[in-house]
Amino acid sequence: MIGIDAPLIVPNEEGSRPCDRWIASRFSRYHAGGYPVNRRWLRSFGGLRGETLAQTLMTWGFTLQPPPRPGAPIRAVMEVFPHPAAIVLFGLRRIIRYKRLRRGPWIRGLRRWHRQLLALERFHPPLDWPETWRAPPPEARTRRSLKAWEDRLDAVFCAYIAGYVWFHGPAGYEQIGDLEHGYVVIPRRLIG
């Protein structure tokens, strides 16, 4: 299971995918709605990288379908969206702002996000953090090092979402959208 924080299916040249409109309507009050996704907009940000990656992975035997049952033997890639996932899994009232802010707020936001992610140790399944990742990296002072830490934390959370979805199967996720118009997988908070 691979969870990617990028649009994997973008059939529309302009406007917004139905899944993005639905997520915006449901999660905007938490400041977790996304941007309208379309091919024109993505080209202005360097291209359709998520879609290209998904197509490459499909040639290697991956599917774009989420797992049909808990622990299913599957090679799948799915689009995830960390902000709504964090709202659901952590029960947040608002996203934790940790993305490329001014230096002081950026560091504080990243530290808060890091502490929040450490709570995944108590989730089911638990995330077993390597000891070297339990504390903020000492070099996280420059813009480059802060961005590297931000990217690492995002990657860990996307991987956790994918593992969570695989572990729990359909009871543990909601698929918003479809394979024709694009979809995003949002985990469901399960107790136990």
C-alpha atoms as a PDB file:
ATOM      1  CA  MET A   1       0.000   0.000   0.000  1.00  0.00           C
ATOM      2  CA  ILE A   2       1.292   3.397  -0.972  1.00  0.00           C
ATOM      3  CA  GLY A   3      -0.444   6.624   0.050  1.00  0.00           C
ATOM      4  CA  ILE A   4       0.391   9.646  -2.085  1.00  0.00           C
ATOM      5  CA  ASP A   5      -0.495  13.231  -1.209  1.00  0.00           C
ATOM      6  CA  ALA A   6      -1.017  14.269  -4.823  1.00  0.00           C
ATOM      7  CA  PRO A   7      -3.830  13.934  -7.354  1.00  0.00           C
ATOM      8  CA  LEU A   8      -3.546  10.549  -9.071  1.00  0.00           C
ATOM      9  CA  ILE A   9      -6.558  10.792 -11.403  1.00  0.00           C
ATOM     10  CA  VAL A  10      -7.224  14.180 -13.006  1.00  0.00           C
ATOM     11  CA  PRO A  11      -9.526  13.919 -16.029  1.00  0.00           C
ATOM     12  CA  ASN A  12     -10.711  17.552 -15.959  1.00  0.00           C
ATOM     13  CA  GLU A  13      -8.814  20.278 -17.809  1.00  0.00           C
ATOM     14  CA  GLU A  14     -10.414  23.058 -15.745  1.00  0.00           C
ATOM     15  CA  GLY A  15     -12.642  23.421 -12.721  1.00  0.00           C
ATOM     16  CA  SER A  16     -12.567  20.972  -9.868  1.00  0.00           C
ATOM     17  CA  ARG A  17     -12.984  17.237  -9.438  1.00  0.00           C
ATOM     18  CA  PRO A  18     -16.191  16.144  -7.644  1.00  0.00           C
ATOM     19  CA  CYS A  19     -14.146  14.589  -4.809  1.00  0.00           C
ATOM     20  CA  ASP A  20     -12.340  17.891  -4.195  1.00  0.00           C
ATOM     21  CA  ARG A  21     -15.633  19.803  -4.030  1.00  0.00           C
ATOM     22  CA  TRP A  22     -17.012  17.262  -1.570  1.00  0.00           C
ATOM     23  CA  ILE A  23     -13.903  17.428   0.640  1.00  0.00           C
ATOM     24  CA  ALA A  24     -13.998  21.237   0.572  1.00  0.00           C
ATOM     25  CA  SER A  25     -17.652  21.264   1.616  1.00  0.00           C
ATOM     26  CA  ARG A  26     -17.022  18.834   4.466  1.00  0.00           C
ATOM     27  CA  PHE A  27     -13.627  20.004   5.751  1.00  0.00           C
ATOM     28  CA  SER A  28     -13.369  23.740   4.974  1.00  0.00           C
ATOM     29  CA  ARG A  29     -14.668  24.642   8.435  1.00  0.00           C
ATOM     30  CA  TYR A  30     -11.544  22.918   9.804  1.00  0.00           C
ATOM     31  CA  HIS A  31      -9.356  24.803   7.282  1.00  0.00           C
ATOM     32  CA  ALA A  32      -8.690  21.398   5.674  1.00  0.00           C
ATOM     33  CA  GLY A  33     -10.345  21.875   2.297  1.00  0.00           C
ATOM     34  CA  GLY A  34      -8.038  21.691  -0.691  1.00  0.00           C
ATOM     35  CA  TYR A  35      -7.530  23.637  -3.868  1.00  0.00           C
ATOM     36  CA  PRO A  36      -9.583  22.910  -6.972  1.00  0.00           C
ATOM     37  CA  VAL A  37      -7.608  20.269  -8.849  1.00  0.00           C
ATOM     38  CA  ASN A  38      -7.423  20.327 -12.636  1.00  0.00           C
ATOM     39  CA  ARG A  39      -4.857  19.606 -15.336  1.00  0.00           C
ATOM     40  CA  ARG A  40      -4.245  23.280 -16.170  1.00  0.00           C
ATOM     41  CA  TRP A  41      -3.575  24.198 -12.529  1.00  0.00           C
ATOM     42  CA  LEU A  42      -1.261  21.206 -11.991  1.00  0.00           C
ATOM     43  CA  ARG A  43       0.771  22.050 -15.117  1.00  0.00           C
ATOM     44  CA  SER A  44       1.484  25.478 -13.614  1.00  0.00           C
ATOM     45  CA  PHE A  45       3.008  23.684 -10.584  1.00  0.00           C
ATOM     46  CA  GLY A  46       5.352  21.394 -12.473  1.00  0.00           C
ATOM     47  CA  GLY A  47       3.017  18.937 -14.153  1.00  0.00           C
ATOM     48  CA  LEU A  48       0.897  15.917 -13.423  1.00  0.00           C
ATOM     49  CA  ARG A  49       3.485  14.183 -11.240  1.00  0.00           C
ATOM     50  CA  GLY A  50       0.994  12.207  -9.143  1.00  0.00           C
ATOM     51  CA  GLU A  51      -0.839  10.910 -12.176  1.00  0.00           C
ATOM     52  CA  THR A  52       2.448  10.002 -13.893  1.00  0.00           C
ATOM     53  CA  LEU A  53       3.677   8.180 -10.777  1.00  0.00           C
ATOM     54  CA  ALA A  54       0.402   6.264 -10.467  1.00  0.00           C
ATOM     55  CA  GLN A  55       0.556   5.192 -14.122  1.00  0.00           C
ATOM     56  CA  THR A  56       4.154   4.013 -13.671  1.00  0.00           C
ATOM     57  CA  LEU A  57       3.221   2.030 -10.562  1.00  0.00           C
ATOM     58  CA  MET A  58       0.319   0.420 -12.441  1.00  0.00           C
ATOM     59  CA  THR A  59       2.790  -0.903 -15.045  1.00  0.00           C
ATOM     60  CA  TRP A  60       4.546  -2.611 -12.105  1.00  0.00           C
ATOM     61  CA  GLY A  61       1.369  -4.385 -11.014  1.00  0.00           C
ATOM     62  CA  PHE A  62      -0.144  -1.836  -8.629  1.00  0.00           C
ATOM     63  CA  THR A  63      -3.858  -1.053  -8.662  1.00  0.00           C
ATOM     64  CA  LEU A  64      -5.593   2.222  -7.873  1.00  0.00           C
ATOM     65  CA  GLN A  65      -8.273   0.385  -5.869  1.00  0.00           C
ATOM     66  CA  PRO A  66      -8.151   0.545  -2.054  1.00  0.00           C
ATOM     67  CA  PRO A  67      -8.095  -2.831  -0.254  1.00  0.00           C
ATOM     68  CA  PRO A  68     -11.361  -4.804  -0.450  1.00  0.00           C
ATOM     69  CA  ARG A  69     -10.932  -6.328   3.031  1.00  0.00           C
ATOM     70  CA  PRO A  70      -8.625  -5.946   6.061  1.00  0.00           C
ATOM     71  CA  GLY A  71      -5.091  -7.136   5.406  1.00  0.00           C
ATOM     72  CA  ALA A  72      -5.856  -8.139   1.818  1.00  0.00           C
ATOM     73  CA  PRO A  73      -2.783  -9.161  -0.203  1.00  0.00           C
ATOM     74  CA  ILE A  74      -2.716  -6.187  -2.534  1.00  0.00           C
ATOM     75  CA  ARG A  75      -0.312  -3.883  -4.322  1.00  0.00           C
ATOM     76  CA  ALA A  76      -2.164  -0.589  -4.366  1.00  0.00           C
ATOM     77  CA  VAL A  77      -1.517   3.115  -4.610  1.00  0.00           C
ATOM     78  CA  MET A  78      -4.108   5.605  -3.443  1.00  0.00           C
ATOM     79  CA  GLU A  79      -4.504   9.341  -3.156  1.00  0.00           C
ATOM     80  CA  VAL A  80      -4.561  10.572   0.432  1.00  0.00           C
ATOM     81  CA  PHE A  81      -5.035  14.064   1.830  1.00  0.00           C
ATOM     82  CA  PRO A  82      -3.226  14.550   5.167  1.00  0.00           C
ATOM     83  CA  HIS A  83      -5.175  17.539   6.508  1.00  0.00           C
ATOM     84  CA  PRO A  84      -8.660  15.921   6.438  1.00  0.00           C
ATOM     85  CA  ALA A  85      -7.081  12.651   7.603  1.00  0.00           C
ATOM     86  CA  ALA A  86      -5.603  14.456  10.619  1.00  0.00           C
ATOM     87  CA  ILE A  87      -8.965  16.062  11.423  1.00  0.00           C
ATOM     88  CA  VAL A  88     -10.628  12.639  11.426  1.00  0.00           C
ATOM     89  CA  LEU A  89      -7.941  10.526  13.109  1.00  0.00           C
ATOM     90  CA  PHE A  90      -6.927  13.027  15.794  1.00  0.00           C
ATOM     91  CA  GLY A  91     -10.338  14.646  16.297  1.00  0.00           C
ATOM     92  CA  LEU A  92      -8.911  18.117  15.650  1.00  0.00           C
ATOM     93  CA  ARG A  93     -11.093  21.225  15.515  1.00  0.00           C
ATOM     94  CA  ARG A  94      -8.697  22.826  13.056  1.00  0.00           C
ATOM     95  CA  ILE A  95      -5.623  21.768  11.121  1.00  0.00           C
ATOM     96  CA  ILE A  96      -2.218  22.201  12.672  1.00  0.00           C
ATOM     97  CA  ARG A  97      -0.489  24.862  10.595  1.00  0.00           C
ATOM     98  CA  TYR A  98       3.012  23.632   9.828  1.00  0.00           C
ATOM     99  CA  LYS A  99       3.486  24.390   6.137  1.00  0.00           C
ATOM    100  CA  ARG A 100       6.108  26.968   5.080  1.00  0.00           C
ATOM    101  CA  LEU A 101       5.285  29.812   7.409  1.00  0.00           C
ATOM    102  CA  ARG A 102       7.593  32.510   8.731  1.00  0.00           C
ATOM    103  CA  ARG A 103      10.482  30.870  10.562  1.00  0.00           C
ATOM    104  CA  GLY A 104       9.153  31.155  14.157  1.00  0.00           C
ATOM    105  CA  PRO A 105       5.574  29.987  13.475  1.00  0.00           C
ATOM    106  CA  TRP A 106       6.936  27.322  11.114  1.00  0.00           C
ATOM    107  CA  ILE A 107       9.148  25.800  13.799  1.00  0.00           C
ATOM    108  CA  ARG A 108       6.325  25.918  16.369  1.00  0.00           C
ATOM    109  CA  GLY A 109       3.873  24.384  13.895  1.00  0.00           C
ATOM    110  CA  LEU A 110       6.254  21.592  12.935  1.00  0.00           C
ATOM    111  CA  ARG A 111       6.969  20.803  16.590  1.00  0.00           C
ATOM    112  CA  ARG A 112       3.242  20.663  17.345  1.00  0.00           C
ATOM    113  CA  TRP A 113       2.613  18.453  14.280  1.00  0.00           C
ATOM    114  CA  HIS A 114       5.481  16.187  15.298  1.00  0.00           C
ATOM    115  CA  ARG A 115       4.042  15.800  18.823  1.00  0.00           C
ATOM    116  CA  GLN A 116       0.638  15.015  17.308  1.00  0.00           C
ATOM    117  CA  LEU A 117       2.133  12.328  15.062  1.00  0.00           C
ATOM    118  CA  LEU A 118       3.870  10.726  18.046  1.00  0.00           C
ATOM    119  CA  ALA A 119       0.359   9.958  19.340  1.00  0.00           C
ATOM    120  CA  LEU A 120       0.071   7.380  16.540  1.00  0.00           C
ATOM    121  CA  GLU A 121       1.977   5.057  18.902  1.00  0.00           C
ATOM    122  CA  ARG A 122      -1.310   4.642  20.777  1.00  0.00           C
ATOM    123  CA  PHE A 123      -3.426   4.019  17.668  1.00  0.00           C
ATOM    124  CA  HIS A 124      -4.498   0.693  16.238  1.00  0.00           C
ATOM    125  CA  PRO A 125      -2.312  -0.262  14.495  1.00  0.00           C
ATOM    126  CA  PRO A 126       0.379   1.578  16.425  1.00  0.00           C
ATOM    127  CA  LEU A 127       3.193   3.412  14.674  1.00  0.00           C
ATOM    128  CA  ASP A 128       6.526   2.304  16.112  1.00  0.00           C
ATOM    129  CA  TRP A 129       8.729   5.391  15.822  1.00  0.00           C
ATOM    130  CA  PRO A 130      12.469   4.854  15.411  1.00  0.00           C
ATOM    131  CA  GLU A 131      14.299   6.382  18.365  1.00  0.00           C
ATOM    132  CA  THR A 132      16.094   8.861  16.104  1.00  0.00           C
ATOM    133  CA  TRP A 133      12.721  10.275  14.952  1.00  0.00           C
ATOM    134  CA  ARG A 134      11.239  10.747  18.428  1.00  0.00           C
ATOM    135  CA  ALA A 135      12.807  14.184  18.859  1.00  0.00           C
ATOM    136  CA  PRO A 136      12.934  17.081  16.400  1.00  0.00           C
ATOM    137  CA  PRO A 137      16.085  16.945  14.292  1.00  0.00           C
ATOM    138  CA  PRO A 138      18.734  19.199  15.853  1.00  0.00           C
ATOM    139  CA  GLU A 139      19.582  20.704  12.465  1.00  0.00           C
ATOM    140  CA  ALA A 140      16.001  21.980  11.892  1.00  0.00           C
ATOM    141  CA  ARG A 141      16.906  25.667  11.873  1.00  0.00           C
ATOM    142  CA  THR A 142      17.357  26.714   8.248  1.00  0.00           C
ATOM    143  CA  ARG A 143      14.579  26.938   5.639  1.00  0.00           C
ATOM    144  CA  ARG A 144      16.054  23.958   3.828  1.00  0.00           C
ATOM    145  CA  SER A 145      16.247  21.781   6.956  1.00  0.00           C
ATOM    146  CA  LEU A 146      12.750  22.823   8.085  1.00  0.00           C
ATOM    147  CA  LYS A 147      11.369  21.902   4.664  1.00  0.00           C
ATOM    148  CA  ALA A 148      13.158  18.534   4.826  1.00  0.00           C
ATOM    149  CA  TRP A 149      11.614  17.851   8.263  1.00  0.00           C
ATOM    150  CA  GLU A 150       8.165  18.915   7.012  1.00  0.00           C
ATOM    151  CA  ASP A 151       8.500  16.543   4.030  1.00  0.00           C
ATOM    152  CA  ARG A 152       9.599  13.672   6.285  1.00  0.00           C
ATOM    153  CA  LEU A 153       6.647  14.149   8.637  1.00  0.00           C
ATOM    154  CA  ASP A 154       4.235  14.317   5.689  1.00  0.00           C
ATOM    155  CA  ALA A 155       5.719  11.136   4.223  1.00  0.00           C
ATOM    156  CA  VAL A 156       5.362   9.297   7.539  1.00  0.00           C
ATOM    157  CA  PHE A 157       1.729  10.354   7.871  1.00  0.00           C
ATOM    158  CA  CYS A 158       0.878   9.372   4.280  1.00  0.00           C
ATOM    159  CA  ALA A 159       2.499   5.977   4.846  1.00  0.00           C
ATOM    160  CA  TYR A 160       0.593   5.578   8.109  1.00  0.00           C
ATOM    161  CA  ILE A 161      -2.722   6.419   6.388  1.00  0.00           C
ATOM    162  CA  ALA A 162      -1.998   3.743   3.758  1.00  0.00           C
ATOM    163  CA  GLY A 163      -1.117   1.191   6.439  1.00  0.00           C
ATOM    164  CA  TYR A 164      -4.181   2.094   8.487  1.00  0.00           C
ATOM    165  CA  VAL A 165      -6.444   1.661   5.454  1.00  0.00           C
ATOM    166  CA  TRP A 166      -4.827  -1.681   4.594  1.00  0.00           C
ATOM    167  CA  PHE A 167      -5.020  -2.906   8.213  1.00  0.00           C
ATOM    168  CA  HIS A 168      -8.693  -2.004   8.736  1.00  0.00           C
ATOM    169  CA  GLY A 169      -9.995  -2.509   5.204  1.00  0.00           C
ATOM    170  CA  PRO A 170     -13.250  -0.799   4.130  1.00  0.00           C
ATOM    171  CA  ALA A 171     -14.370  -0.212   7.737  1.00  0.00           C
ATOM    172  CA  GLY A 172     -11.305   1.997   8.181  1.00  0.00           C
ATOM    173  CA  TYR A 173     -11.708   4.342   5.239  1.00  0.00           C
ATOM    174  CA  GLU A 174     -14.075   6.356   3.145  1.00  0.00           C
ATOM    175  CA  GLN A 175     -13.433   6.578  -0.585  1.00  0.00           C
ATOM    176  CA  ILE A 176     -14.560   9.968  -1.831  1.00  0.00           C
ATOM    177  CA  GLY A 177     -14.976   9.920  -5.600  1.00  0.00           C
ATOM    178  CA  ASP A 178     -14.276   7.195  -8.133  1.00  0.00           C
ATOM    179  CA  LEU A 179     -11.737   5.870 -10.619  1.00  0.00           C
ATOM    180  CA  GLU A 180     -13.269   7.829 -13.488  1.00  0.00           C
ATOM    181  CA  HIS A 181     -13.284  11.324 -11.958  1.00  0.00           C
ATOM    182  CA  GLY A 182     -10.634  10.935  -9.254  1.00  0.00           C
ATOM    183  CA  TYR A 183     -10.912   9.954  -5.624  1.00  0.00           C
ATOM    184  CA  VAL A 184      -9.323  10.535  -2.239  1.00  0.00           C
ATOM    185  CA  VAL A 185      -9.199   8.070   0.638  1.00  0.00           C
ATOM    186  CA  ILE A 186      -9.976   9.514   4.070  1.00  0.00           C
ATOM    187  CA  PRO A 187      -9.477   7.218   7.071  1.00  0.00           C
ATOM    188  CA  ARG A 188     -12.282   6.620   9.554  1.00  0.00           C
ATOM    189  CA  ARG A 189     -11.436   6.832  13.240  1.00  0.00           C
ATOM    190  CA  LEU A 190     -11.955   3.399  14.742  1.00  0.00           C
ATOM    191  CA  ILE A 191     -11.797   2.801  18.479  1.00  0.00           C
ATOM    192  CA  GLY A 192      -9.729  -0.141  19.728  1.00  0.00           C
END
